[in-house]
Amino acid sequence: MSKRAVIIGASFNPVHEGHLAVARAAAAEAEIGRVIMLPCGQHAFGKQLAPKQDRLKMLELAVKQSDLNLEIDPREILSDQISYTYRTLKNWQRDNPGWQPIFILGSENLASFDKWHEAEQLVSEFEIWVIDRDDLDVGTLIKRWGANMIEWHPKIELPEENLHLSSTIIRERVKNSQSVTGLVSPKVAQYIKQHQLYHKQ
């Protein structure tokens, strides 16, 4: 029987406390042996991101400063190809025999999921846990994708005012010279300041 690993794929632009809270909740699930953070390299929909090396470094700082036993898989960051989740999970599974990956998907991505590369194959071959973050009727939206797409209700340990925290919010706060204390790890906040990330967008 395959062991189970949760893969949290995101641009991490930048990584924030919400990402770590999801990782913590995933690690607490029964029969989950590993939690892997998978930073996106070249976004499939052409989204403009901070430089790869900066996003990877901030993720490394956040993971190191956390109390969690997380892994970082940099394969997409290190690749010059567009990041496609299906291809990445197939390659990850090839490189990790005996492990079954579970991919975490934010409900905000459901509306465009049919535009994902090899979406049908992705959901037929891999288990996907969908986090409801937008007060959507997730149960109805995931029905068309079959039994492998599951609505996940993690216990997120964040202050109520930060439950809808996003990288967009962080970038806007930095751009407007507002504090991000408590929203990102201290070392990530320091890195953003030192490297002048997100100050002009």
C-alpha atoms as a PDB file:
ATOM      1  CA  MET A   1       0.000   0.000   0.000  1.00  0.00           C
ATOM      2  CA  SER A   2       1.352   3.425  -0.995  1.00  0.00           C
ATOM      3  CA  LYS A   3       2.247   5.949   1.656  1.00  0.00           C
ATOM      4  CA  ARG A   4       0.554   9.320   1.361  1.00  0.00           C
ATOM      5  CA  ALA A   5       2.222  12.707   0.899  1.00  0.00           C
ATOM      6  CA  VAL A   6       0.494  16.075   0.718  1.00  0.00           C
ATOM      7  CA  ILE A   7       1.833  18.485  -1.891  1.00  0.00           C
ATOM      8  CA  ILE A   8       1.075  22.185  -1.484  1.00  0.00           C
ATOM      9  CA  GLY A   9       1.726  23.864  -4.799  1.00  0.00           C
ATOM     10  CA  ALA A  10       1.667  27.661  -5.001  1.00  0.00           C
ATOM     11  CA  SER A  11       3.603  30.595  -6.400  1.00  0.00           C
ATOM     12  CA  PHE A  12       4.535  31.579  -2.797  1.00  0.00           C
ATOM     13  CA  ASN A  13       4.681  35.180  -3.976  1.00  0.00           C
ATOM     14  CA  PRO A  14       5.424  35.558  -1.110  1.00  0.00           C
ATOM     15  CA  VAL A  15       4.949  32.649   1.294  1.00  0.00           C
ATOM     16  CA  HIS A  16       2.785  33.719   4.251  1.00  0.00           C
ATOM     17  CA  GLU A  17       1.367  32.381   7.510  1.00  0.00           C
ATOM     18  CA  GLY A  18      -1.718  31.049   5.706  1.00  0.00           C
ATOM     19  CA  HIS A  19       0.449  28.676   3.666  1.00  0.00           C
ATOM     20  CA  LEU A  20       2.109  27.413   6.833  1.00  0.00           C
ATOM     21  CA  ALA A  21      -1.246  26.986   8.570  1.00  0.00           C
ATOM     22  CA  VAL A  22      -2.467  24.793   5.711  1.00  0.00           C
ATOM     23  CA  ALA A  23       0.755  22.769   5.911  1.00  0.00           C
ATOM     24  CA  ARG A  24       0.279  22.343   9.658  1.00  0.00           C
ATOM     25  CA  ALA A  25      -3.301  21.145   9.161  1.00  0.00           C
ATOM     26  CA  ALA A  26      -2.222  18.712   6.451  1.00  0.00           C
ATOM     27  CA  ALA A  27       0.526  17.277   8.657  1.00  0.00           C
ATOM     28  CA  ALA A  28      -2.072  16.614  11.362  1.00  0.00           C
ATOM     29  CA  GLU A  29      -4.213  14.459   9.062  1.00  0.00           C
ATOM     30  CA  ALA A  30      -4.127  10.717   9.690  1.00  0.00           C
ATOM     31  CA  GLU A  31      -1.869   8.633   7.443  1.00  0.00           C
ATOM     32  CA  ILE A  32      -0.024  11.624   5.997  1.00  0.00           C
ATOM     33  CA  GLY A  33       3.678  10.860   6.088  1.00  0.00           C
ATOM     34  CA  ARG A  34       5.122  13.911   4.331  1.00  0.00           C
ATOM     35  CA  VAL A  35       4.138  17.500   3.533  1.00  0.00           C
ATOM     36  CA  ILE A  36       5.894  19.035   0.550  1.00  0.00           C
ATOM     37  CA  MET A  37       5.912  22.685  -0.475  1.00  0.00           C
ATOM     38  CA  LEU A  38       6.091  22.985  -4.268  1.00  0.00           C
ATOM     39  CA  PRO A  39       6.882  26.497  -5.512  1.00  0.00           C
ATOM     40  CA  CYS A  40       5.738  27.306  -9.033  1.00  0.00           C
ATOM     41  CA  GLY A  41       8.407  28.249 -11.545  1.00  0.00           C
ATOM     42  CA  GLN A  42       6.936  29.740 -14.706  1.00  0.00           C
ATOM     43  CA  HIS A  43       3.200  30.267 -14.203  1.00  0.00           C
ATOM     44  CA  ALA A  44       1.022  28.407 -16.719  1.00  0.00           C
ATOM     45  CA  PHE A  45      -1.305  31.397 -17.158  1.00  0.00           C
ATOM     46  CA  GLY A  46       1.486  33.931 -17.561  1.00  0.00           C
ATOM     47  CA  LYS A  47       1.079  35.460 -14.105  1.00  0.00           C
ATOM     48  CA  GLN A  48       3.890  37.879 -13.265  1.00  0.00           C
ATOM     49  CA  LEU A  49       5.836  36.693 -10.234  1.00  0.00           C
ATOM     50  CA  ALA A  50       8.805  37.835  -8.187  1.00  0.00           C
ATOM     51  CA  PRO A  51      12.094  36.265  -9.317  1.00  0.00           C
ATOM     52  CA  LYS A  52      12.312  32.513  -8.775  1.00  0.00           C
ATOM     53  CA  GLN A  53      15.357  32.693  -6.531  1.00  0.00           C
ATOM     54  CA  ASP A  54      13.658  35.225  -4.237  1.00  0.00           C
ATOM     55  CA  ARG A  55      10.472  33.197  -3.866  1.00  0.00           C
ATOM     56  CA  LEU A  56      12.463  30.033  -3.173  1.00  0.00           C
ATOM     57  CA  LYS A  57      14.692  31.776  -0.627  1.00  0.00           C
ATOM     58  CA  MET A  58      11.675  33.226   1.227  1.00  0.00           C
ATOM     59  CA  LEU A  59      10.080  29.779   1.318  1.00  0.00           C
ATOM     60  CA  GLU A  60      13.286  28.279   2.702  1.00  0.00           C
ATOM     61  CA  LEU A  61      13.425  30.980   5.395  1.00  0.00           C
ATOM     62  CA  ALA A  62       9.783  30.459   6.373  1.00  0.00           C
ATOM     63  CA  VAL A  63      10.104  26.677   6.569  1.00  0.00           C
ATOM     64  CA  LYS A  64      13.320  26.893   8.576  1.00  0.00           C
ATOM     65  CA  GLN A  65      11.764  29.352  11.025  1.00  0.00           C
ATOM     66  CA  SER A  66       8.603  27.283  11.463  1.00  0.00           C
ATOM     67  CA  ASP A  67       8.082  24.406  13.886  1.00  0.00           C
ATOM     68  CA  LEU A  68       7.021  22.107  11.053  1.00  0.00           C
ATOM     69  CA  ASN A  69       8.815  19.203   9.408  1.00  0.00           C
ATOM     70  CA  LEU A  70       8.250  20.342   5.827  1.00  0.00           C
ATOM     71  CA  GLU A  71      10.062  19.536   2.621  1.00  0.00           C
ATOM     72  CA  ILE A  72      10.603  21.871  -0.311  1.00  0.00           C
ATOM     73  CA  ASP A  73      10.603  20.432  -3.813  1.00  0.00           C
ATOM     74  CA  PRO A  74      12.244  22.983  -6.138  1.00  0.00           C
ATOM     75  CA  ARG A  75      11.794  21.064  -9.415  1.00  0.00           C
ATOM     76  CA  GLU A  76       9.467  23.647 -10.981  1.00  0.00           C
ATOM     77  CA  ILE A  77      11.608  26.566  -9.817  1.00  0.00           C
ATOM     78  CA  LEU A  78      14.709  24.944 -11.304  1.00  0.00           C
ATOM     79  CA  SER A  79      13.022  24.198 -14.624  1.00  0.00           C
ATOM     80  CA  ASP A  80      12.820  26.539 -17.593  1.00  0.00           C
ATOM     81  CA  GLN A  81       9.533  24.931 -18.649  1.00  0.00           C
ATOM     82  CA  ILE A  82       6.041  26.187 -17.843  1.00  0.00           C
ATOM     83  CA  SER A  83       4.798  24.656 -14.579  1.00  0.00           C
ATOM     84  CA  TYR A  84       2.040  22.117 -15.214  1.00  0.00           C
ATOM     85  CA  THR A  85       0.704  20.326 -12.137  1.00  0.00           C
ATOM     86  CA  TYR A  86      -0.101  17.064 -13.923  1.00  0.00           C
ATOM     87  CA  ARG A  87       3.403  16.723 -15.349  1.00  0.00           C
ATOM     88  CA  THR A  88       4.966  17.683 -12.022  1.00  0.00           C
ATOM     89  CA  LEU A  89       2.959  15.113 -10.047  1.00  0.00           C
ATOM     90  CA  LYS A  90       3.771  12.374 -12.573  1.00  0.00           C
ATOM     91  CA  ASN A  91       7.469  13.180 -12.297  1.00  0.00           C
ATOM     92  CA  TRP A  92       7.264  13.421  -8.503  1.00  0.00           C
ATOM     93  CA  GLN A  93       5.599  10.028  -8.306  1.00  0.00           C
ATOM     94  CA  ARG A  94       8.278   8.529 -10.560  1.00  0.00           C
ATOM     95  CA  ASP A  95      10.993   9.952  -8.280  1.00  0.00           C
ATOM     96  CA  ASN A  96       9.254   8.828  -5.065  1.00  0.00           C
ATOM     97  CA  PRO A  97       8.231   5.183  -5.540  1.00  0.00           C
ATOM     98  CA  GLY A  98       5.845   3.902  -2.903  1.00  0.00           C
ATOM     99  CA  TRP A  99       4.357   7.340  -2.252  1.00  0.00           C
ATOM    100  CA  GLN A 100       0.964   8.604  -3.404  1.00  0.00           C
ATOM    101  CA  PRO A 101       0.786  12.419  -3.738  1.00  0.00           C
ATOM    102  CA  ILE A 102      -2.300  14.359  -2.666  1.00  0.00           C
ATOM    103  CA  PHE A 103      -2.522  17.816  -4.205  1.00  0.00           C
ATOM    104  CA  ILE A 104      -4.018  20.743  -2.260  1.00  0.00           C
ATOM    105  CA  LEU A 105      -6.182  23.095  -4.324  1.00  0.00           C
ATOM    106  CA  GLY A 106      -7.689  26.388  -3.167  1.00  0.00           C
ATOM    107  CA  SER A 107     -11.367  26.746  -4.084  1.00  0.00           C
ATOM    108  CA  GLU A 108     -10.555  30.019  -5.881  1.00  0.00           C
ATOM    109  CA  ASN A 109      -8.938  27.860  -8.576  1.00  0.00           C
ATOM    110  CA  LEU A 110     -12.062  25.805  -9.296  1.00  0.00           C
ATOM    111  CA  ALA A 111     -13.506  28.289 -11.783  1.00  0.00           C
ATOM    112  CA  SER A 112     -10.478  27.923 -14.059  1.00  0.00           C
ATOM    113  CA  PHE A 113      -9.640  24.291 -13.307  1.00  0.00           C
ATOM    114  CA  ASP A 114     -11.039  23.096 -16.632  1.00  0.00           C
ATOM    115  CA  LYS A 115      -8.377  25.265 -18.309  1.00  0.00           C
ATOM    116  CA  TRP A 116      -5.542  23.528 -16.456  1.00  0.00           C
ATOM    117  CA  HIS A 117      -3.194  21.453 -18.580  1.00  0.00           C
ATOM    118  CA  GLU A 118      -4.409  17.819 -18.649  1.00  0.00           C
ATOM    119  CA  ALA A 119      -7.088  18.600 -16.033  1.00  0.00           C
ATOM    120  CA  GLU A 120      -9.066  15.407 -16.714  1.00  0.00           C
ATOM    121  CA  GLN A 121      -5.979  13.216 -16.366  1.00  0.00           C
ATOM    122  CA  LEU A 122      -4.869  15.097 -13.271  1.00  0.00           C
ATOM    123  CA  VAL A 123      -8.105  14.493 -11.396  1.00  0.00           C
ATOM    124  CA  SER A 124      -8.463  10.902 -12.612  1.00  0.00           C
ATOM    125  CA  GLU A 125      -4.984   9.853 -11.504  1.00  0.00           C
ATOM    126  CA  PHE A 126      -4.430  11.920  -8.367  1.00  0.00           C
ATOM    127  CA  GLU A 127      -6.382  12.748  -5.233  1.00  0.00           C
ATOM    128  CA  ILE A 128      -7.091  16.464  -4.876  1.00  0.00           C
ATOM    129  CA  TRP A 129      -8.189  18.118  -1.647  1.00  0.00           C
ATOM    130  CA  VAL A 130     -10.057  21.382  -2.191  1.00  0.00           C
ATOM    131  CA  ILE A 131      -9.959  24.010   0.562  1.00  0.00           C
ATOM    132  CA  ASP A 132     -13.026  26.240   0.686  1.00  0.00           C
ATOM    133  CA  ARG A 133     -11.619  29.758   1.046  1.00  0.00           C
ATOM    134  CA  ASP A 134     -14.156  31.832  -0.853  1.00  0.00           C
ATOM    135  CA  ASP A 135     -17.512  30.831   0.649  1.00  0.00           C
ATOM    136  CA  LEU A 136     -18.297  28.957  -2.566  1.00  0.00           C
ATOM    137  CA  ASP A 137     -20.585  25.973  -2.905  1.00  0.00           C
ATOM    138  CA  VAL A 138     -17.571  23.729  -3.267  1.00  0.00           C
ATOM    139  CA  GLY A 139     -19.596  20.526  -2.955  1.00  0.00           C
ATOM    140  CA  THR A 140     -21.530  21.361  -6.113  1.00  0.00           C
ATOM    141  CA  LEU A 141     -18.527  22.679  -8.028  1.00  0.00           C
ATOM    142  CA  ILE A 142     -16.409  19.561  -7.507  1.00  0.00           C
ATOM    143  CA  LYS A 143     -19.094  17.043  -8.472  1.00  0.00           C
ATOM    144  CA  ARG A 144     -18.228  17.178 -12.167  1.00  0.00           C
ATOM    145  CA  TRP A 145     -14.660  16.117 -11.436  1.00  0.00           C
ATOM    146  CA  GLY A 146     -15.420  12.777  -9.797  1.00  0.00           C
ATOM    147  CA  ALA A 147     -14.524  11.025  -6.580  1.00  0.00           C
ATOM    148  CA  ASN A 148     -10.816  11.974  -6.537  1.00  0.00           C
ATOM    149  CA  MET A 149     -11.639  15.631  -5.896  1.00  0.00           C
ATOM    150  CA  ILE A 150     -12.560  15.959  -2.241  1.00  0.00           C
ATOM    151  CA  GLU A 151     -13.770  18.919  -0.209  1.00  0.00           C
ATOM    152  CA  TRP A 152     -11.300  19.344   2.654  1.00  0.00           C
ATOM    153  CA  HIS A 153     -12.161  21.169   5.868  1.00  0.00           C
ATOM    154  CA  PRO A 154      -8.825  21.623   7.632  1.00  0.00           C
ATOM    155  CA  LYS A 155      -8.488  23.074  11.099  1.00  0.00           C
ATOM    156  CA  ILE A 156      -6.635  26.276  10.233  1.00  0.00           C
ATOM    157  CA  GLU A 157      -4.860  27.797  13.214  1.00  0.00           C
ATOM    158  CA  LEU A 158      -4.923  31.494  12.368  1.00  0.00           C
ATOM    159  CA  PRO A 159      -6.504  34.562  13.963  1.00  0.00           C
ATOM    160  CA  GLU A 160      -9.964  35.056  12.501  1.00  0.00           C
ATOM    161  CA  GLU A 161      -8.955  38.293  10.786  1.00  0.00           C
ATOM    162  CA  ASN A 162      -6.232  36.399   8.888  1.00  0.00           C
ATOM    163  CA  LEU A 163      -8.314  33.443   7.682  1.00  0.00           C
ATOM    164  CA  HIS A 164      -8.514  34.908   4.173  1.00  0.00           C
ATOM    165  CA  LEU A 165      -4.861  35.917   4.072  1.00  0.00           C
ATOM    166  CA  SER A 166      -3.337  35.848   0.591  1.00  0.00           C
ATOM    167  CA  SER A 167      -0.095  36.742  -1.142  1.00  0.00           C
ATOM    168  CA  THR A 168      -1.990  39.518  -2.933  1.00  0.00           C
ATOM    169  CA  ILE A 169      -2.793  41.114   0.428  1.00  0.00           C
ATOM    170  CA  ILE A 170       0.859  40.904   1.470  1.00  0.00           C
ATOM    171  CA  ARG A 171       2.054  42.500  -1.768  1.00  0.00           C
ATOM    172  CA  GLU A 172      -0.478  45.321  -1.485  1.00  0.00           C
ATOM    173  CA  ARG A 173       0.509  46.024   2.114  1.00  0.00           C
ATOM    174  CA  VAL A 174       4.189  46.147   1.184  1.00  0.00           C
ATOM    175  CA  LYS A 175       3.450  48.397  -1.793  1.00  0.00           C
ATOM    176  CA  ASN A 176       1.522  50.770   0.502  1.00  0.00           C
ATOM    177  CA  SER A 177       4.253  50.726   3.182  1.00  0.00           C
ATOM    178  CA  GLN A 178       1.997  48.909   5.655  1.00  0.00           C
ATOM    179  CA  SER A 179       3.234  46.412   8.211  1.00  0.00           C
ATOM    180  CA  VAL A 180       3.191  42.674   7.449  1.00  0.00           C
ATOM    181  CA  THR A 181       4.112  41.697  11.000  1.00  0.00           C
ATOM    182  CA  GLY A 182       2.322  38.483  11.938  1.00  0.00           C
ATOM    183  CA  LEU A 183       1.312  37.849   8.318  1.00  0.00           C
ATOM    184  CA  VAL A 184       4.665  36.480   7.183  1.00  0.00           C
ATOM    185  CA  SER A 185       7.537  35.071   9.205  1.00  0.00           C
ATOM    186  CA  PRO A 186       9.978  37.692  10.554  1.00  0.00           C
ATOM    187  CA  LYS A 187      12.802  36.525   8.305  1.00  0.00           C
ATOM    188  CA  VAL A 188      10.554  36.709   5.241  1.00  0.00           C
ATOM    189  CA  ALA A 189       9.526  40.258   6.176  1.00  0.00           C
ATOM    190  CA  GLN A 190      13.196  41.132   6.570  1.00  0.00           C
ATOM    191  CA  TYR A 191      14.049  39.585   3.202  1.00  0.00           C
ATOM    192  CA  ILE A 192      11.276  41.514   1.438  1.00  0.00           C
ATOM    193  CA  LYS A 193      12.562  44.754   2.927  1.00  0.00           C
ATOM    194  CA  GLN A 194      16.225  44.074   2.199  1.00  0.00           C
ATOM    195  CA  HIS A 195      15.580  43.128  -1.437  1.00  0.00           C
ATOM    196  CA  GLN A 196      12.895  45.769  -2.052  1.00  0.00           C
ATOM    197  CA  LEU A 197      10.398  43.188  -3.270  1.00  0.00           C
ATOM    198  CA  TYR A 198       6.826  44.264  -4.120  1.00  0.00           C
ATOM    199  CA  HIS A 199       7.500  47.929  -3.396  1.00  0.00           C
ATOM    200  CA  LYS A 200       6.696  48.928  -6.967  1.00  0.00           C
ATOM    201  CA  GLN A 201       4.056  47.036  -8.933  1.00  0.00           C
END
